[in-house]
Amino acid sequence: MVKCSPVPVAYSSGVKPSENEGPLGREDGPRRHDPKTYGSISGIQVGTWWETRKGCSSDAIHAPIVGGISGGSQGAYSVALSGGYEDDVDLGYAFTFTGSGGRDLKGTKTAPKNLRTAPQSSDQTFENTFNKMLLRSTETKKPVRVIRGFKGKSRYAPTEGYRYDGLYTVERAWLTKGVNPKGYLVCKFAFKRLPGQPPLPVRGDTASDDEDSKDVKYEED
């Protein structure tokens, strides 16, 4: 595996930060590609790094500036891993992802801007628009673009900014009790990285290079 260098220094694999970054970038300009695309985006290499989510959006890798899921009728186009749920597992070549919903995003009088950090206050369901997209991905197996953000606790998360880590498929979906005081249900999704892609940078240097040959097993309640 490639050891993760401090960003925005170029990775040892030769991939550099996106040309969108910096004062000469075009973060506010028109996109060259449509983010409503399944699979890779022309010209954007695996390992490309951005300082902000705005850059990811401009390059059409992950359109939402805040939301973690983007998709259409045939499944998800992309997801963003930002460490939002402590019980999610990230092994690099595979990870679990918690769905959307169950939180009061309007906030409260004492915390009006808690948004994505609001505590869960109801069950998640597969009727949620975004969860339905990921559920659909388990059927179509269309590849999903994945970005990892610096807030992630995994050793595969970048130390700064956001990084495009390639294409994954959603292997399955299930409903389980979440790690919250009242045991509200959450939608879980198991992702697996497609073979033949560049190795992922890691914060340590002990990961092996045989990720494509591993079988993925997930536990559920």
C-alpha atoms as a PDB file:
ATOM      1  CA  MET A   1       0.000   0.000   0.000  1.00  0.00           C
ATOM      2  CA  VAL A   2       1.029   3.615  -0.488  1.00  0.00           C
ATOM      3  CA  LYS A   3       1.877   5.492   2.689  1.00  0.00           C
ATOM      4  CA  CYS A   4      -0.134   8.699   2.897  1.00  0.00           C
ATOM      5  CA  SER A   5       1.974  11.844   2.554  1.00  0.00           C
ATOM      6  CA  PRO A   6       0.857  15.089   4.187  1.00  0.00           C
ATOM      7  CA  VAL A   7      -1.444  16.821   1.721  1.00  0.00           C
ATOM      8  CA  PRO A   8      -1.432  18.842  -0.464  1.00  0.00           C
ATOM      9  CA  VAL A   9       1.993  17.360  -1.303  1.00  0.00           C
ATOM     10  CA  ALA A  10       1.695  15.027  -4.313  1.00  0.00           C
ATOM     11  CA  TYR A  11       1.390  11.328  -3.528  1.00  0.00           C
ATOM     12  CA  SER A  12       4.297   9.032  -4.291  1.00  0.00           C
ATOM     13  CA  SER A  13       2.070   7.447  -6.957  1.00  0.00           C
ATOM     14  CA  GLY A  14       2.371  10.690  -8.952  1.00  0.00           C
ATOM     15  CA  VAL A  15      -1.199  11.885  -8.452  1.00  0.00           C
ATOM     16  CA  LYS A  16      -1.415  15.596  -7.613  1.00  0.00           C
ATOM     17  CA  PRO A  17      -4.091  17.805  -6.100  1.00  0.00           C
ATOM     18  CA  SER A  18      -6.873  18.764  -8.485  1.00  0.00           C
ATOM     19  CA  GLU A  19      -6.261  21.724 -10.782  1.00  0.00           C
ATOM     20  CA  ASN A  20      -9.405  23.214  -9.245  1.00  0.00           C
ATOM     21  CA  GLU A  21      -7.491  24.049  -6.078  1.00  0.00           C
ATOM     22  CA  GLY A  22      -5.874  27.383  -5.280  1.00  0.00           C
ATOM     23  CA  PRO A  23      -6.435  30.936  -6.509  1.00  0.00           C
ATOM     24  CA  LEU A  24      -6.198  29.886 -10.171  1.00  0.00           C
ATOM     25  CA  GLY A  25      -8.746  27.120  -9.785  1.00  0.00           C
ATOM     26  CA  ARG A  26     -12.257  27.141 -11.228  1.00  0.00           C
ATOM     27  CA  GLU A  27     -14.281  26.075  -8.182  1.00  0.00           C
ATOM     28  CA  ASP A  28     -16.940  28.642  -9.045  1.00  0.00           C
ATOM     29  CA  GLY A  29     -16.923  27.972 -12.794  1.00  0.00           C
ATOM     30  CA  PRO A  30     -18.982  25.554 -14.900  1.00  0.00           C
ATOM     31  CA  ARG A  31     -18.358  21.829 -14.597  1.00  0.00           C
ATOM     32  CA  ARG A  32     -16.643  20.043 -17.455  1.00  0.00           C
ATOM     33  CA  HIS A  33     -18.467  16.806 -16.671  1.00  0.00           C
ATOM     34  CA  ASP A  34     -21.867  15.709 -15.405  1.00  0.00           C
ATOM     35  CA  PRO A  35     -21.786  14.414 -11.798  1.00  0.00           C
ATOM     36  CA  LYS A  36     -24.961  12.444 -12.579  1.00  0.00           C
ATOM     37  CA  THR A  37     -22.768   9.742 -14.087  1.00  0.00           C
ATOM     38  CA  TYR A  38     -22.224   6.170 -12.953  1.00  0.00           C
ATOM     39  CA  GLY A  39     -18.589   5.175 -12.749  1.00  0.00           C
ATOM     40  CA  SER A  40     -15.442   7.196 -13.284  1.00  0.00           C
ATOM     41  CA  ILE A  41     -15.238  10.825 -14.404  1.00  0.00           C
ATOM     42  CA  SER A  42     -12.968  11.501 -17.379  1.00  0.00           C
ATOM     43  CA  GLY A  43      -9.704  13.167 -16.407  1.00  0.00           C
ATOM     44  CA  ILE A  44     -10.028  12.629 -12.644  1.00  0.00           C
ATOM     45  CA  GLN A  45      -7.554  10.047 -11.403  1.00  0.00           C
ATOM     46  CA  VAL A  46      -7.961   7.859  -8.354  1.00  0.00           C
ATOM     47  CA  GLY A  47      -6.088   9.628  -5.558  1.00  0.00           C
ATOM     48  CA  THR A  48      -6.980  13.166  -6.654  1.00  0.00           C
ATOM     49  CA  TRP A  49      -7.167  15.490  -3.640  1.00  0.00           C
ATOM     50  CA  TRP A  50      -9.202  18.628  -2.894  1.00  0.00           C
ATOM     51  CA  GLU A  51      -8.989  21.075  -0.028  1.00  0.00           C
ATOM     52  CA  THR A  52     -12.783  21.418   0.176  1.00  0.00           C
ATOM     53  CA  ARG A  53     -15.969  19.596  -0.807  1.00  0.00           C
ATOM     54  CA  LYS A  54     -16.583  22.443  -3.231  1.00  0.00           C
ATOM     55  CA  GLY A  55     -13.656  21.226  -5.290  1.00  0.00           C
ATOM     56  CA  CYS A  56     -15.040  17.675  -5.364  1.00  0.00           C
ATOM     57  CA  SER A  57     -18.310  19.085  -6.625  1.00  0.00           C
ATOM     58  CA  SER A  58     -16.685  21.223  -9.322  1.00  0.00           C
ATOM     59  CA  ASP A  59     -14.838  18.180 -10.634  1.00  0.00           C
ATOM     60  CA  ALA A  60     -18.135  16.215 -10.681  1.00  0.00           C
ATOM     61  CA  ILE A  61     -16.794  13.480  -8.395  1.00  0.00           C
ATOM     62  CA  HIS A  62     -19.324  14.140  -5.615  1.00  0.00           C
ATOM     63  CA  ALA A  63     -21.849  16.899  -6.297  1.00  0.00           C
ATOM     64  CA  PRO A  64     -23.328  17.668  -2.828  1.00  0.00           C
ATOM     65  CA  ILE A  65     -21.373  20.181  -0.764  1.00  0.00           C
ATOM     66  CA  VAL A  66     -22.744  18.739   2.499  1.00  0.00           C
ATOM     67  CA  GLY A  67     -24.718  15.551   1.813  1.00  0.00           C
ATOM     68  CA  GLY A  68     -23.023  12.168   1.887  1.00  0.00           C
ATOM     69  CA  ILE A  69     -25.042  10.445  -0.845  1.00  0.00           C
ATOM     70  CA  SER A  70     -25.728  11.407  -4.456  1.00  0.00           C
ATOM     71  CA  GLY A  71     -27.649   9.238  -6.883  1.00  0.00           C
ATOM     72  CA  GLY A  72     -30.420   8.576  -9.364  1.00  0.00           C
ATOM     73  CA  SER A  73     -32.930   5.954 -10.444  1.00  0.00           C
ATOM     74  CA  GLN A  74     -30.292   3.264 -11.037  1.00  0.00           C
ATOM     75  CA  GLY A  75     -28.474   3.730  -7.749  1.00  0.00           C
ATOM     76  CA  ALA A  76     -25.905   5.994  -6.129  1.00  0.00           C
ATOM     77  CA  TYR A  77     -23.440   8.016  -8.189  1.00  0.00           C
ATOM     78  CA  SER A  78     -21.143   8.764  -5.259  1.00  0.00           C
ATOM     79  CA  VAL A  79     -20.777   8.775  -1.478  1.00  0.00           C
ATOM     80  CA  ALA A  80     -18.581  10.748   0.922  1.00  0.00           C
ATOM     81  CA  LEU A  81     -17.016   9.147   4.007  1.00  0.00           C
ATOM     82  CA  SER A  82     -16.621  11.737   6.751  1.00  0.00           C
ATOM     83  CA  GLY A  83     -16.748   9.774   9.990  1.00  0.00           C
ATOM     84  CA  GLY A  84     -20.356  10.622  10.752  1.00  0.00           C
ATOM     85  CA  TYR A  85     -21.191   7.354  12.556  1.00  0.00           C
ATOM     86  CA  GLU A  86     -18.802   5.826  15.079  1.00  0.00           C
ATOM     87  CA  ASP A  87     -19.860   2.221  14.413  1.00  0.00           C
ATOM     88  CA  ASP A  88     -19.007   2.331  10.699  1.00  0.00           C
ATOM     89  CA  VAL A  89     -16.066   0.101   9.761  1.00  0.00           C
ATOM     90  CA  ASP A  90     -13.514   1.132   7.111  1.00  0.00           C
ATOM     91  CA  LEU A  91     -11.055  -1.509   5.912  1.00  0.00           C
ATOM     92  CA  GLY A  92     -10.019   0.398   2.809  1.00  0.00           C
ATOM     93  CA  TYR A  93     -10.916  -2.325   0.311  1.00  0.00           C
ATOM     94  CA  ALA A  94     -14.356  -2.508   1.968  1.00  0.00           C
ATOM     95  CA  PHE A  95     -16.418  -0.489   4.407  1.00  0.00           C
ATOM     96  CA  THR A  96     -19.822  -0.172   6.016  1.00  0.00           C
ATOM     97  CA  PHE A  97     -21.809   2.993   5.452  1.00  0.00           C
ATOM     98  CA  THR A  98     -24.733   4.275   7.516  1.00  0.00           C
ATOM     99  CA  GLY A  99     -27.655   5.701   5.581  1.00  0.00           C
ATOM    100  CA  SER A 100     -29.541   8.975   5.731  1.00  0.00           C
ATOM    101  CA  GLY A 101     -32.378  10.222   7.903  1.00  0.00           C
ATOM    102  CA  GLY A 102     -33.453   9.885  11.506  1.00  0.00           C
ATOM    103  CA  ARG A 103     -31.957  13.229  12.566  1.00  0.00           C
ATOM    104  CA  ASP A 104     -33.655  16.560  13.112  1.00  0.00           C
ATOM    105  CA  LEU A 105     -31.596  18.740  10.774  1.00  0.00           C
ATOM    106  CA  LYS A 106     -33.489  21.898  11.764  1.00  0.00           C
ATOM    107  CA  GLY A 107     -31.698  22.006  15.086  1.00  0.00           C
ATOM    108  CA  THR A 108     -33.070  23.379  18.335  1.00  0.00           C
ATOM    109  CA  LYS A 109     -33.420  26.774  19.999  1.00  0.00           C
ATOM    110  CA  THR A 110     -30.221  26.183  21.940  1.00  0.00           C
ATOM    111  CA  ALA A 111     -28.353  24.597  19.003  1.00  0.00           C
ATOM    112  CA  PRO A 112     -29.930  25.933  15.801  1.00  0.00           C
ATOM    113  CA  LYS A 113     -27.070  24.923  13.536  1.00  0.00           C
ATOM    114  CA  ASN A 114     -26.357  21.377  14.635  1.00  0.00           C
ATOM    115  CA  LEU A 115     -27.285  20.009  11.188  1.00  0.00           C
ATOM    116  CA  ARG A 116     -25.431  16.727  10.520  1.00  0.00           C
ATOM    117  CA  THR A 117     -24.250  16.490  14.119  1.00  0.00           C
ATOM    118  CA  ALA A 118     -27.793  16.404  15.494  1.00  0.00           C
ATOM    119  CA  PRO A 119     -28.559  13.317  17.600  1.00  0.00           C
ATOM    120  CA  GLN A 120     -30.690  10.627  16.018  1.00  0.00           C
ATOM    121  CA  SER A 121     -34.331  11.093  16.975  1.00  0.00           C
ATOM    122  CA  SER A 122     -36.144   8.442  14.896  1.00  0.00           C
ATOM    123  CA  ASP A 123     -35.591   5.257  12.901  1.00  0.00           C
ATOM    124  CA  GLN A 124     -34.003   5.332   9.477  1.00  0.00           C
ATOM    125  CA  THR A 125     -35.906   3.529   6.702  1.00  0.00           C
ATOM    126  CA  PHE A 126     -35.279   2.369   3.160  1.00  0.00           C
ATOM    127  CA  GLU A 127     -38.101   4.677   2.077  1.00  0.00           C
ATOM    128  CA  ASN A 128     -35.725   7.602   2.544  1.00  0.00           C
ATOM    129  CA  THR A 129     -34.782   8.884  -0.922  1.00  0.00           C
ATOM    130  CA  PHE A 130     -31.036   8.516  -0.411  1.00  0.00           C
ATOM    131  CA  ASN A 131     -31.231   5.124   1.283  1.00  0.00           C
ATOM    132  CA  LYS A 132     -33.428   3.950  -1.561  1.00  0.00           C
ATOM    133  CA  MET A 133     -30.674   4.940  -4.000  1.00  0.00           C
ATOM    134  CA  LEU A 134     -28.112   2.818  -2.166  1.00  0.00           C
ATOM    135  CA  LEU A 135     -30.562  -0.063  -1.904  1.00  0.00           C
ATOM    136  CA  ARG A 136     -31.035   0.168  -5.661  1.00  0.00           C
ATOM    137  CA  SER A 137     -27.249  -0.028  -6.063  1.00  0.00           C
ATOM    138  CA  THR A 138     -27.286  -3.492  -4.475  1.00  0.00           C
ATOM    139  CA  GLU A 139     -29.502  -4.582  -7.375  1.00  0.00           C
ATOM    140  CA  THR A 140     -27.890  -2.826 -10.342  1.00  0.00           C
ATOM    141  CA  LYS A 141     -24.276  -3.157  -9.095  1.00  0.00           C
ATOM    142  CA  LYS A 142     -23.430   0.096 -10.842  1.00  0.00           C
ATOM    143  CA  PRO A 143     -20.073   1.411  -9.577  1.00  0.00           C
ATOM    144  CA  VAL A 144     -20.163   4.159  -6.963  1.00  0.00           C
ATOM    145  CA  ARG A 145     -17.477   6.842  -6.657  1.00  0.00           C
ATOM    146  CA  VAL A 146     -16.109   7.170  -3.118  1.00  0.00           C
ATOM    147  CA  ILE A 147     -14.374  10.133  -1.497  1.00  0.00           C
ATOM    148  CA  ARG A 148     -12.834  10.058   1.960  1.00  0.00           C
ATOM    149  CA  GLY A 149     -12.595  13.156   4.126  1.00  0.00           C
ATOM    150  CA  PHE A 150     -10.199  14.262   6.849  1.00  0.00           C
ATOM    151  CA  LYS A 151     -12.831  13.830   9.577  1.00  0.00           C
ATOM    152  CA  GLY A 152     -12.775  10.065   9.116  1.00  0.00           C
ATOM    153  CA  LYS A 153     -11.158   8.074  11.921  1.00  0.00           C
ATOM    154  CA  SER A 154      -9.878   5.327   9.617  1.00  0.00           C
ATOM    155  CA  ARG A 155      -6.198   5.107   8.704  1.00  0.00           C
ATOM    156  CA  TYR A 156      -7.406   5.352   5.102  1.00  0.00           C
ATOM    157  CA  ALA A 157      -8.785   8.858   5.649  1.00  0.00           C
ATOM    158  CA  PRO A 158      -6.597  11.742   4.408  1.00  0.00           C
ATOM    159  CA  THR A 159      -4.978  13.935   7.035  1.00  0.00           C
ATOM    160  CA  GLU A 160      -6.446  17.011   5.357  1.00  0.00           C
ATOM    161  CA  GLY A 161      -9.090  17.749   2.740  1.00  0.00           C
ATOM    162  CA  TYR A 162     -10.876  15.171   0.601  1.00  0.00           C
ATOM    163  CA  ARG A 163      -9.562  12.421  -1.668  1.00  0.00           C
ATOM    164  CA  TYR A 164     -11.125  10.381  -4.473  1.00  0.00           C
ATOM    165  CA  ASP A 165     -10.527   6.703  -3.720  1.00  0.00           C
ATOM    166  CA  GLY A 166     -12.056   5.101  -6.791  1.00  0.00           C
ATOM    167  CA  LEU A 167     -15.023   2.861  -7.535  1.00  0.00           C
ATOM    168  CA  TYR A 168     -16.902   0.516  -5.224  1.00  0.00           C
ATOM    169  CA  THR A 169     -20.029  -1.607  -5.493  1.00  0.00           C
ATOM    170  CA  VAL A 170     -22.739  -1.839  -2.840  1.00  0.00           C
ATOM    171  CA  GLU A 171     -22.824  -5.525  -1.944  1.00  0.00           C
ATOM    172  CA  ARG A 172     -25.808  -5.582   0.389  1.00  0.00           C
ATOM    173  CA  ALA A 173     -28.051  -3.578   2.706  1.00  0.00           C
ATOM    174  CA  TRP A 174     -29.668  -4.285   6.058  1.00  0.00           C
ATOM    175  CA  LEU A 175     -31.483  -2.609   8.947  1.00  0.00           C
ATOM    176  CA  THR A 176     -30.004  -2.780  12.445  1.00  0.00           C
ATOM    177  CA  LYS A 177     -29.958  -0.977  15.792  1.00  0.00           C
ATOM    178  CA  GLY A 178     -27.634   1.991  15.751  1.00  0.00           C
ATOM    179  CA  VAL A 179     -25.177   3.119  18.418  1.00  0.00           C
ATOM    180  CA  ASN A 180     -27.490   5.676  19.999  1.00  0.00           C
ATOM    181  CA  PRO A 181     -29.054   5.928  23.474  1.00  0.00           C
ATOM    182  CA  LYS A 182     -32.534   4.870  22.372  1.00  0.00           C
ATOM    183  CA  GLY A 183     -31.543   2.168  19.909  1.00  0.00           C
ATOM    184  CA  TYR A 184     -33.081   3.771  16.838  1.00  0.00           C
ATOM    185  CA  LEU A 185     -32.716   1.687  13.680  1.00  0.00           C
ATOM    186  CA  VAL A 186     -30.225   2.622  10.976  1.00  0.00           C
ATOM    187  CA  CYS A 187     -29.800   1.482   7.377  1.00  0.00           C
ATOM    188  CA  LYS A 188     -26.412  -0.119   6.780  1.00  0.00           C
ATOM    189  CA  PHE A 189     -24.688  -0.731   3.456  1.00  0.00           C
ATOM    190  CA  ALA A 190     -21.660  -2.902   2.678  1.00  0.00           C
ATOM    191  CA  PHE A 191     -19.292  -1.536   0.014  1.00  0.00           C
ATOM    192  CA  LYS A 192     -16.467  -3.402  -1.739  1.00  0.00           C
ATOM    193  CA  ARG A 193     -13.766  -1.816  -3.887  1.00  0.00           C
ATOM    194  CA  LEU A 194     -13.517  -2.892  -7.506  1.00  0.00           C
ATOM    195  CA  PRO A 195     -10.244  -4.677  -8.362  1.00  0.00           C
ATOM    196  CA  GLY A 196      -7.532  -3.294 -10.609  1.00  0.00           C
ATOM    197  CA  GLN A 197      -7.373   0.212  -9.113  1.00  0.00           C
ATOM    198  CA  PRO A 198      -4.361   2.035  -7.635  1.00  0.00           C
ATOM    199  CA  PRO A 199      -3.642   1.128  -3.988  1.00  0.00           C
ATOM    200  CA  LEU A 200      -5.067   3.392  -1.318  1.00  0.00           C
ATOM    201  CA  PRO A 201      -2.787   5.732   0.640  1.00  0.00           C
ATOM    202  CA  VAL A 202      -2.741   4.899   4.355  1.00  0.00           C
ATOM    203  CA  ARG A 203      -1.694   6.794   7.459  1.00  0.00           C
ATOM    204  CA  GLY A 204       0.456   3.855   8.561  1.00  0.00           C
ATOM    205  CA  ASP A 205       2.640   1.476   6.566  1.00  0.00           C
ATOM    206  CA  THR A 206       1.498  -1.964   7.732  1.00  0.00           C
ATOM    207  CA  ALA A 207      -1.310  -2.637   5.246  1.00  0.00           C
ATOM    208  CA  SER A 208      -0.843  -5.433   2.720  1.00  0.00           C
ATOM    209  CA  ASP A 209      -1.177  -5.203  -1.066  1.00  0.00           C
ATOM    210  CA  ASP A 210      -3.547  -8.160  -1.544  1.00  0.00           C
ATOM    211  CA  GLU A 211      -6.798  -6.260  -0.950  1.00  0.00           C
ATOM    212  CA  ASP A 212      -8.383  -7.429  -4.217  1.00  0.00           C
ATOM    213  CA  SER A 213      -8.195 -11.087  -3.164  1.00  0.00           C
ATOM    214  CA  LYS A 214      -9.879 -10.727   0.214  1.00  0.00           C
ATOM    215  CA  ASP A 215     -13.378 -11.960   0.951  1.00  0.00           C
ATOM    216  CA  VAL A 216     -15.577  -9.470   2.759  1.00  0.00           C
ATOM    217  CA  LYS A 217     -17.606 -10.547   5.780  1.00  0.00           C
ATOM    218  CA  TYR A 218     -19.954  -8.312   7.739  1.00  0.00           C
ATOM    219  CA  GLU A 219     -21.757  -8.923  10.992  1.00  0.00           C
ATOM    220  CA  GLU A 220     -25.299  -7.806  11.635  1.00  0.00           C
ATOM    221  CA  ASP A 221     -27.759  -8.089  14.469  1.00  0.00           C
END
